[in-house]
Amino acid sequence: MANKEFFSINGEGLLKKVKELIAEGNVTRITIADKEGKEIAGFPLTLGVVGVLLMPMFAAVGAIAALIGECTIIVERHDENNENTTT
């Protein structure tokens, strides 16, 4: 099960925030939506993704940041508590 967080941010800070979220390590998906809530782009993240594989995503996020003003980042995080429970 994934937990979702929402961050409202302007285009200038978009790439920086995405990099910060990825560095945290427990993010499974990042979605970028415009101020009306329409999804612009979504990026699934898996464990073990390294810098070279992230470069195309950073380029796409940078292009979105250049074109958009205000947006929302929707972050899905892996819920470790549910993973540890047994049935």
PDB file of N, CA and C in Angstrom:
ATOM      1  N   MET A   1       0.843  -1.176   0.000  1.00  0.00           N
ATOM      2  CA  MET A   1       0.000   0.000   0.000  1.00  0.00           C
ATOM      3  C   MET A   1       0.888   1.238   0.000  1.00  0.00           C
ATOM      4  N   ALA A   2       0.471   2.258  -0.721  1.00  0.00           N
ATOM      5  CA  ALA A   2       1.273   3.475  -0.830  1.00  0.00           C
ATOM      6  C   ALA A   2       0.563   4.636  -0.140  1.00  0.00           C
ATOM      7  N   ASN A   3       1.360   5.483   0.476  1.00  0.00           N
ATOM      8  CA  ASN A   3       0.861   6.725   1.050  1.00  0.00           C
ATOM      9  C   ASN A   3       1.104   7.832   0.048  1.00  0.00           C
ATOM     10  N   LYS A   4       0.181   8.781  -0.050  1.00  0.00           N
ATOM     11  CA  LYS A   4       0.340   9.887  -0.991  1.00  0.00           C
ATOM     12  C   LYS A   4       0.532  11.197  -0.235  1.00  0.00           C
ATOM     13  N   GLU A   5       1.444  12.011  -0.770  1.00  0.00           N
ATOM     14  CA  GLU A   5       1.664  13.360  -0.265  1.00  0.00           C
ATOM     15  C   GLU A   5       1.535  14.317  -1.441  1.00  0.00           C
ATOM     16  N   PHE A   6       1.087  15.537  -1.164  1.00  0.00           N
ATOM     17  CA  PHE A   6       0.910  16.540  -2.199  1.00  0.00           C
ATOM     18  C   PHE A   6       1.743  17.764  -1.849  1.00  0.00           C
ATOM     19  N   PHE A   7       2.478  18.271  -2.836  1.00  0.00           N
ATOM     20  CA  PHE A   7       3.286  19.477  -2.666  1.00  0.00           C
ATOM     21  C   PHE A   7       2.925  20.463  -3.769  1.00  0.00           C
ATOM     22  N   SER A   8       2.484  21.659  -3.394  1.00  0.00           N
ATOM     23  CA  SER A   8       2.260  22.720  -4.379  1.00  0.00           C
ATOM     24  C   SER A   8       3.561  23.482  -4.533  1.00  0.00           C
ATOM     25  N   ILE A   9       3.967  23.692  -5.781  1.00  0.00           N
ATOM     26  CA  ILE A   9       5.275  24.292  -6.026  1.00  0.00           C
ATOM     27  C   ILE A   9       5.232  25.051  -7.344  1.00  0.00           C
ATOM     28  N   ASN A  10       6.112  26.038  -7.489  1.00  0.00           N
ATOM     29  CA  ASN A  10       6.193  26.736  -8.768  1.00  0.00           C
ATOM     30  C   ASN A  10       7.196  26.023  -9.662  1.00  0.00           C
ATOM     31  N   GLY A  11       7.160  26.319 -10.938  1.00  0.00           N
ATOM     32  CA  GLY A  11       8.012  25.644 -11.906  1.00  0.00           C
ATOM     33  C   GLY A  11       9.491  25.744 -11.604  1.00  0.00           C
ATOM     34  N   GLU A  12       9.927  26.865 -11.037  1.00  0.00           N
ATOM     35  CA  GLU A  12      11.349  27.069 -10.753  1.00  0.00           C
ATOM     36  C   GLU A  12      11.893  26.064  -9.741  1.00  0.00           C
ATOM     37  N   GLY A  13      11.093  25.679  -8.762  1.00  0.00           N
ATOM     38  CA  GLY A  13      11.543  24.772  -7.717  1.00  0.00           C
ATOM     39  C   GLY A  13      11.214  23.309  -7.981  1.00  0.00           C
ATOM     40  N   LEU A  14      10.589  23.032  -9.126  1.00  0.00           N
ATOM     41  CA  LEU A  14      10.118  21.682  -9.417  1.00  0.00           C
ATOM     42  C   LEU A  14      11.253  20.662  -9.468  1.00  0.00           C
ATOM     43  N   LEU A  15      12.265  20.915 -10.251  1.00  0.00           N
ATOM     44  CA  LEU A  15      13.360  19.955 -10.409  1.00  0.00           C
ATOM     45  C   LEU A  15      14.088  19.724  -9.081  1.00  0.00           C
ATOM     46  N   LYS A  16      14.324  20.797  -8.344  1.00  0.00           N
ATOM     47  CA  LYS A  16      15.007  20.675  -7.049  1.00  0.00           C
ATOM     48  C   LYS A  16      14.204  19.799  -6.095  1.00  0.00           C
ATOM     49  N   LYS A  17      12.896  20.009  -6.034  1.00  0.00           N
ATOM     50  CA  LYS A  17      12.040  19.235  -5.130  1.00  0.00           C
ATOM     51  C   LYS A  17      12.003  17.771  -5.544  1.00  0.00           C
ATOM     52  N   VAL A  18      11.925  17.489  -6.847  1.00  0.00           N
ATOM     53  CA  VAL A  18      11.909  16.109  -7.324  1.00  0.00           C
ATOM     54  C   VAL A  18      13.205  15.407  -6.933  1.00  0.00           C
ATOM     55  N   LYS A  19      14.336  16.093  -7.093  1.00  0.00           N
ATOM     56  CA  LYS A  19      15.623  15.500  -6.709  1.00  0.00           C
ATOM     57  C   LYS A  19      15.675  15.215  -5.212  1.00  0.00           C
ATOM     58  N   GLU A  20      15.147  16.129  -4.403  1.00  0.00           N
ATOM     59  CA  GLU A  20      15.113  15.924  -2.949  1.00  0.00           C
ATOM     60  C   GLU A  20      14.274  14.702  -2.589  1.00  0.00           C
ATOM     61  N   LEU A  21      13.123  14.573  -3.242  1.00  0.00           N
ATOM     62  CA  LEU A  21      12.238  13.448  -2.949  1.00  0.00           C
ATOM     63  C   LEU A  21      12.880  12.112  -3.320  1.00  0.00           C
ATOM     64  N   ILE A  22      13.562  12.072  -4.453  1.00  0.00           N
ATOM     65  CA  ILE A  22      14.225  10.840  -4.881  1.00  0.00           C
ATOM     66  C   ILE A  22      15.339  10.480  -3.918  1.00  0.00           C
ATOM     67  N   ALA A  23      16.053  11.488  -3.427  1.00  0.00           N
ATOM     68  CA  ALA A  23      17.157  11.242  -2.486  1.00  0.00           C
ATOM     69  C   ALA A  23      16.667  10.624  -1.178  1.00  0.00           C
ATOM     70  N   GLU A  24      15.416  10.857  -0.814  1.00  0.00           N
ATOM     71  CA  GLU A  24      14.856  10.273   0.408  1.00  0.00           C
ATOM     72  C   GLU A  24      14.782   8.746   0.326  1.00  0.00           C
ATOM     73  N   GLY A  25      14.620   8.222  -0.872  1.00  0.00           N
ATOM     74  CA  GLY A  25      14.727   6.789  -1.075  1.00  0.00           C
ATOM     75  C   GLY A  25      13.485   5.941  -0.968  1.00  0.00           C
ATOM     76  N   ASN A  26      12.420   6.395  -0.343  1.00  0.00           N
ATOM     77  CA  ASN A  26      11.243   5.540  -0.189  1.00  0.00           C
ATOM     78  C   ASN A  26      10.092   5.949  -1.110  1.00  0.00           C
ATOM     79  N   VAL A  27      10.389   6.717  -2.147  1.00  0.00           N
ATOM     80  CA  VAL A  27       9.377   7.179  -3.093  1.00  0.00           C
ATOM     81  C   VAL A  27       9.219   6.132  -4.189  1.00  0.00           C
ATOM     82  N   THR A  28       7.976   5.732  -4.465  1.00  0.00           N
ATOM     83  CA  THR A  28       7.724   4.741  -5.502  1.00  0.00           C
ATOM     84  C   THR A  28       7.196   5.351  -6.793  1.00  0.00           C
ATOM     85  N   ARG A  29       6.595   6.537  -6.717  1.00  0.00           N
ATOM     86  CA  ARG A  29       6.068   7.202  -7.906  1.00  0.00           C
ATOM     87  C   ARG A  29       5.959   8.692  -7.643  1.00  0.00           C
ATOM     88  N   ILE A  30       6.300   9.474  -8.669  1.00  0.00           N
ATOM     89  CA  ILE A  30       6.128  10.918  -8.625  1.00  0.00           C
ATOM     90  C   ILE A  30       5.256  11.309  -9.807  1.00  0.00           C
ATOM     91  N   THR A  31       4.194  12.052  -9.516  1.00  0.00           N
ATOM     92  CA  THR A  31       3.297  12.540 -10.558  1.00  0.00           C
ATOM     93  C   THR A  31       3.283  14.059 -10.487  1.00  0.00           C
ATOM     94  N   ILE A  32       3.316  14.701 -11.647  1.00  0.00           N
ATOM     95  CA  ILE A  32       3.256  16.155 -11.715  1.00  0.00           C
ATOM     96  C   ILE A  32       1.925  16.523 -12.351  1.00  0.00           C
ATOM     97  N   ALA A  33       1.174  17.368 -11.654  1.00  0.00           N
ATOM     98  CA  ALA A  33      -0.142  17.799 -12.133  1.00  0.00           C
ATOM     99  C   ALA A  33      -0.167  19.314 -12.218  1.00  0.00           C
ATOM    100  N   ASP A  34      -0.973  19.842 -13.149  1.00  0.00           N
ATOM    101  CA  ASP A  34      -1.100  21.297 -13.250  1.00  0.00           C
ATOM    102  C   ASP A  34      -1.990  21.816 -12.132  1.00  0.00           C
ATOM    103  N   LYS A  35      -2.177  23.132 -12.071  1.00  0.00           N
ATOM    104  CA  LYS A  35      -2.920  23.704 -10.941  1.00  0.00           C
ATOM    105  C   LYS A  35      -4.391  23.303 -10.923  1.00  0.00           C
ATOM    106  N   GLU A  36      -4.925  22.812 -12.054  1.00  0.00           N
ATOM    107  CA  GLU A  36      -6.297  22.308 -12.088  1.00  0.00           C
ATOM    108  C   GLU A  36      -6.389  20.847 -11.673  1.00  0.00           C
ATOM    109  N   GLY A  37      -5.236  20.195 -11.458  1.00  0.00           N
ATOM    110  CA  GLY A  37      -5.216  18.807 -11.043  1.00  0.00           C
ATOM    111  C   GLY A  37      -5.046  17.805 -12.173  1.00  0.00           C
ATOM    112  N   LYS A  38      -4.888  18.289 -13.409  1.00  0.00           N
ATOM    113  CA  LYS A  38      -4.704  17.403 -14.552  1.00  0.00           C
ATOM    114  C   LYS A  38      -3.268  16.882 -14.573  1.00  0.00           C
ATOM    115  N   GLU A  39      -3.117  15.550 -14.672  1.00  0.00           N
ATOM    116  CA  GLU A  39      -1.783  14.947 -14.674  1.00  0.00           C
ATOM    117  C   GLU A  39      -1.024  15.332 -15.936  1.00  0.00           C
ATOM    118  N   ILE A  40       0.183  15.840 -15.738  1.00  0.00           N
ATOM    119  CA  ILE A  40       1.058  16.218 -16.846  1.00  0.00           C
ATOM    120  C   ILE A  40       2.048  15.103 -17.134  1.00  0.00           C
ATOM    121  N   ALA A  41       2.633  14.544 -16.079  1.00  0.00           N
ATOM    122  CA  ALA A  41       3.622  13.480 -16.227  1.00  0.00           C
ATOM    123  C   ALA A  41       3.660  12.640 -14.967  1.00  0.00           C
ATOM    124  N   GLY A  42       3.989  11.377 -15.138  1.00  0.00           N
ATOM    125  CA  GLY A  42       4.147  10.469 -14.014  1.00  0.00           C
ATOM    126  C   GLY A  42       5.401   9.645 -14.194  1.00  0.00           C
ATOM    127  N   PHE A  43       6.145   9.457 -13.116  1.00  0.00           N
ATOM    128  CA  PHE A  43       7.401   8.734 -13.167  1.00  0.00           C
ATOM    129  C   PHE A  43       7.423   7.665 -12.087  1.00  0.00           C
ATOM    130  N   PRO A  44       7.364   6.386 -12.483  1.00  0.00           N
ATOM    131  CA  PRO A  44       7.513   5.326 -11.484  1.00  0.00           C
ATOM    132  C   PRO A  44       8.976   5.197 -11.090  1.00  0.00           C
ATOM    133  N   LEU A  45       9.231   4.968  -9.835  1.00  0.00           N
ATOM    134  CA  LEU A  45      10.594   4.804  -9.341  1.00  0.00           C
ATOM    135  C   LEU A  45      10.693   3.441  -8.684  1.00  0.00           C
ATOM    136  N   THR A  46      11.774   2.746  -8.948  1.00  0.00           N
ATOM    137  CA  THR A  46      11.992   1.442  -8.334  1.00  0.00           C
ATOM    138  C   THR A  46      13.247   1.496  -7.494  1.00  0.00           C
ATOM    139  N   LEU A  47      13.353   0.581  -6.564  1.00  0.00           N
ATOM    140  CA  LEU A  47      14.558   0.504  -5.748  1.00  0.00           C
ATOM    141  C   LEU A  47      15.751   0.214  -6.643  1.00  0.00           C
ATOM    142  N   GLY A  48      16.849   0.847  -6.374  1.00  0.00           N
ATOM    143  CA  GLY A  48      18.061   0.601  -7.137  1.00  0.00           C
ATOM    144  C   GLY A  48      18.222   1.480  -8.366  1.00  0.00           C
ATOM    145  N   VAL A  49      17.316   2.422  -8.580  1.00  0.00           N
ATOM    146  CA  VAL A  49      17.474   3.334  -9.713  1.00  0.00           C
ATOM    147  C   VAL A  49      18.663   4.231  -9.425  1.00  0.00           C
ATOM    148  N   VAL A  50      19.574   4.325 -10.387  1.00  0.00           N
ATOM    149  CA  VAL A  50      20.785   5.117 -10.197  1.00  0.00           C
ATOM    150  C   VAL A  50      20.803   6.310 -11.127  1.00  0.00           C
ATOM    151  N   GLY A  51      21.776   7.193 -10.915  1.00  0.00           N
ATOM    152  CA  GLY A  51      21.885   8.460 -11.616  1.00  0.00           C
ATOM    153  C   GLY A  51      21.704   8.412 -13.120  1.00  0.00           C
ATOM    154  N   VAL A  52      22.363   7.497 -13.810  1.00  0.00           N
ATOM    155  CA  VAL A  52      22.277   7.440 -15.278  1.00  0.00           C
ATOM    156  C   VAL A  52      20.849   7.183 -15.727  1.00  0.00           C
ATOM    157  N   LEU A  53      20.136   6.352 -15.002  1.00  0.00           N
ATOM    158  CA  LEU A  53      18.757   6.048 -15.362  1.00  0.00           C
ATOM    159  C   LEU A  53      17.807   7.195 -15.033  1.00  0.00           C
ATOM    160  N   LEU A  54      18.210   8.065 -14.115  1.00  0.00           N
ATOM    161  CA  LEU A  54      17.364   9.198 -13.730  1.00  0.00           C
ATOM    162  C   LEU A  54      17.537  10.401 -14.661  1.00  0.00           C
ATOM    163  N   MET A  55      18.609  10.443 -15.416  1.00  0.00           N
ATOM    164  CA  MET A  55      18.885  11.608 -16.257  1.00  0.00           C
ATOM    165  C   MET A  55      17.753  11.934 -17.237  1.00  0.00           C
ATOM    166  N   PRO A  56      17.177  10.960 -17.953  1.00  0.00           N
ATOM    167  CA  PRO A  56      16.051  11.298 -18.836  1.00  0.00           C
ATOM    168  C   PRO A  56      14.857  11.867 -18.080  1.00  0.00           C
ATOM    169  N   MET A  57      14.611  11.353 -16.877  1.00  0.00           N
ATOM    170  CA  MET A  57      13.508  11.877 -16.074  1.00  0.00           C
ATOM    171  C   MET A  57      13.793  13.313 -15.652  1.00  0.00           C
ATOM    172  N   PHE A  58      15.024  13.595 -15.226  1.00  0.00           N
ATOM    173  CA  PHE A  58      15.376  14.962 -14.842  1.00  0.00           C
ATOM    174  C   PHE A  58      15.244  15.913 -16.022  1.00  0.00           C
ATOM    175  N   ALA A  59      15.609  15.470 -17.212  1.00  0.00           N
ATOM    176  CA  ALA A  59      15.463  16.307 -18.404  1.00  0.00           C
ATOM    177  C   ALA A  59      13.994  16.613 -18.668  1.00  0.00           C
ATOM    178  N   ALA A  60      13.140  15.611 -18.520  1.00  0.00           N
ATOM    179  CA  ALA A  60      11.705  15.823 -18.721  1.00  0.00           C
ATOM    180  C   ALA A  60      11.131  16.771 -17.674  1.00  0.00           C
ATOM    181  N   VAL A  61      11.525  16.596 -16.421  1.00  0.00           N
ATOM    182  CA  VAL A  61      11.042  17.471 -15.350  1.00  0.00           C
ATOM    183  C   VAL A  61      11.530  18.898 -15.584  1.00  0.00           C
ATOM    184  N   GLY A  62      12.767  19.049 -16.030  1.00  0.00           N
ATOM    185  CA  GLY A  62      13.290  20.378 -16.342  1.00  0.00           C
ATOM    186  C   GLY A  62      12.505  21.058 -17.449  1.00  0.00           C
ATOM    187  N   ALA A  63      12.128  20.296 -18.472  1.00  0.00           N
ATOM    188  CA  ALA A  63      11.327  20.860 -19.567  1.00  0.00           C
ATOM    189  C   ALA A  63       9.942  21.269 -19.074  1.00  0.00           C
ATOM    190  N   ILE A  64       9.347  20.445 -18.228  1.00  0.00           N
ATOM    191  CA  ILE A  64       8.033  20.780 -17.654  1.00  0.00           C
ATOM    192  C   ILE A  64       8.145  22.049 -16.818  1.00  0.00           C
ATOM    193  N   ALA A  65       9.200  22.140 -16.023  1.00  0.00           N
ATOM    194  CA  ALA A  65       9.400  23.311 -15.159  1.00  0.00           C
ATOM    195  C   ALA A  65       9.514  24.585 -15.979  1.00  0.00           C
ATOM    196  N   ALA A  66      10.143  24.488 -17.146  1.00  0.00           N
ATOM    197  CA  ALA A  66      10.303  25.668 -17.994  1.00  0.00           C
ATOM    198  C   ALA A  66       8.975  26.112 -18.598  1.00  0.00           C
ATOM    199  N   LEU A  67       8.038  25.207 -18.755  1.00  0.00           N
ATOM    200  CA  LEU A  67       6.770  25.513 -19.423  1.00  0.00           C
ATOM    201  C   LEU A  67       5.610  25.809 -18.483  1.00  0.00           C
ATOM    202  N   ILE A  68       5.731  25.395 -17.242  1.00  0.00           N
ATOM    203  CA  ILE A  68       4.586  25.491 -16.336  1.00  0.00           C
ATOM    204  C   ILE A  68       4.873  26.507 -15.229  1.00  0.00           C
ATOM    205  N   GLY A  69       3.834  27.120 -14.754  1.00  0.00           N
ATOM    206  CA  GLY A  69       3.975  28.041 -13.640  1.00  0.00           C
ATOM    207  C   GLY A  69       3.813  27.297 -12.330  1.00  0.00           C
ATOM    208  N   GLU A  70       2.586  27.184 -11.891  1.00  0.00           N
ATOM    209  CA  GLU A  70       2.277  26.532 -10.626  1.00  0.00           C
ATOM    210  C   GLU A  70       1.873  25.091 -10.893  1.00  0.00           C
ATOM    211  N   CYS A  71       2.309  24.175 -10.042  1.00  0.00           N
ATOM    212  CA  CYS A  71       1.941  22.774 -10.218  1.00  0.00           C
ATOM    213  C   CYS A  71       1.903  22.067  -8.870  1.00  0.00           C
ATOM    214  N   THR A  72       1.454  20.836  -8.903  1.00  0.00           N
ATOM    215  CA  THR A  72       1.403  20.003  -7.713  1.00  0.00           C
ATOM    216  C   THR A  72       2.206  18.740  -7.970  1.00  0.00           C
ATOM    217  N   ILE A  73       3.027  18.364  -7.018  1.00  0.00           N
ATOM    218  CA  ILE A  73       3.756  17.103  -7.084  1.00  0.00           C
ATOM    219  C   ILE A  73       3.011  16.127  -6.179  1.00  0.00           C
ATOM    220  N   ILE A  74       2.638  14.992  -6.733  1.00  0.00           N
ATOM    221  CA  ILE A  74       1.975  13.947  -5.957  1.00  0.00           C
ATOM    222  C   ILE A  74       3.005  12.841  -5.765  1.00  0.00           C
ATOM    223  N   VAL A  75       3.323  12.565  -4.520  1.00  0.00           N
ATOM    224  CA  VAL A  75       4.371  11.605  -4.190  1.00  0.00           C
ATOM    225  C   VAL A  75       3.735  10.383  -3.555  1.00  0.00           C
ATOM    226  N   GLU A  76       4.027   9.216  -4.114  1.00  0.00           N
ATOM    227  CA  GLU A  76       3.585   7.961  -3.514  1.00  0.00           C
ATOM    228  C   GLU A  76       4.795   7.319  -2.845  1.00  0.00           C
ATOM    229  N   ARG A  77       4.620   6.987  -1.591  1.00  0.00           N
ATOM    230  CA  ARG A  77       5.690   6.348  -0.822  1.00  0.00           C
ATOM    231  C   ARG A  77       5.269   4.941  -0.447  1.00  0.00           C
ATOM    232  N   HIS A  78       6.236   4.054  -0.427  1.00  0.00           N
ATOM    233  CA  HIS A  78       5.982   2.680  -0.018  1.00  0.00           C
ATOM    234  C   HIS A  78       5.703   2.661   1.475  1.00  0.00           C
ATOM    235  N   ASP A  79       4.623   2.050   1.865  1.00  0.00           N
ATOM    236  CA  ASP A  79       4.243   1.951   3.273  1.00  0.00           C
ATOM    237  C   ASP A  79       4.891   0.703   3.870  1.00  0.00           C
ATOM    238  N   GLU A  80       5.997   0.907   4.573  1.00  0.00           N
ATOM    239  CA  GLU A  80       6.752  -0.213   5.139  1.00  0.00           C
ATOM    240  C   GLU A  80       6.006  -0.917   6.256  1.00  0.00           C
ATOM    241  N   ASN A  81       5.108  -0.232   6.946  1.00  0.00           N
ATOM    242  CA  ASN A  81       4.371  -0.850   8.059  1.00  0.00           C
ATOM    243  C   ASN A  81       3.498  -1.992   7.579  1.00  0.00           C
ATOM    244  N   ASN A  82       2.820  -1.817   6.425  1.00  0.00           N
ATOM    245  CA  ASN A  82       1.942  -2.868   5.899  1.00  0.00           C
ATOM    246  C   ASN A  82       2.758  -4.049   5.387  1.00  0.00           C
ATOM    247  N   GLU A  83       3.959  -3.808   4.925  1.00  0.00           N
ATOM    248  CA  GLU A  83       4.800  -4.872   4.392  1.00  0.00           C
ATOM    249  C   GLU A  83       5.246  -5.833   5.485  1.00  0.00           C
ATOM    250  N   ASN A  84       5.418  -5.336   6.694  1.00  0.00           N
ATOM    251  CA  ASN A  84       5.925  -6.151   7.783  1.00  0.00           C
ATOM    252  C   ASN A  84       4.865  -6.975   8.499  1.00  0.00           C
ATOM    253  N   THR A  85       3.597  -6.735   8.205  1.00  0.00           N
ATOM    254  CA  THR A  85       2.536  -7.495   8.865  1.00  0.00           C
ATOM    255  C   THR A  85       2.314  -8.804   8.132  1.00  0.00           C
ATOM    256  N   THR A  86       2.035  -9.845   8.892  1.00  0.00           N
ATOM    257  CA  THR A  86       1.772 -11.147   8.293  1.00  0.00           C
ATOM    258  C   THR A  86       0.346 -11.547   8.546  1.00  0.00           C
ATOM    259  N   THR A  87      -0.186 -12.373   7.634  1.00  0.00           N
ATOM    260  CA  THR A  87      -1.573 -12.831   7.804  1.00  0.00           C
ATOM    261  C   THR A  87      -1.626 -14.294   8.089  1.00  0.00           C
TER     262      THR A  87
END
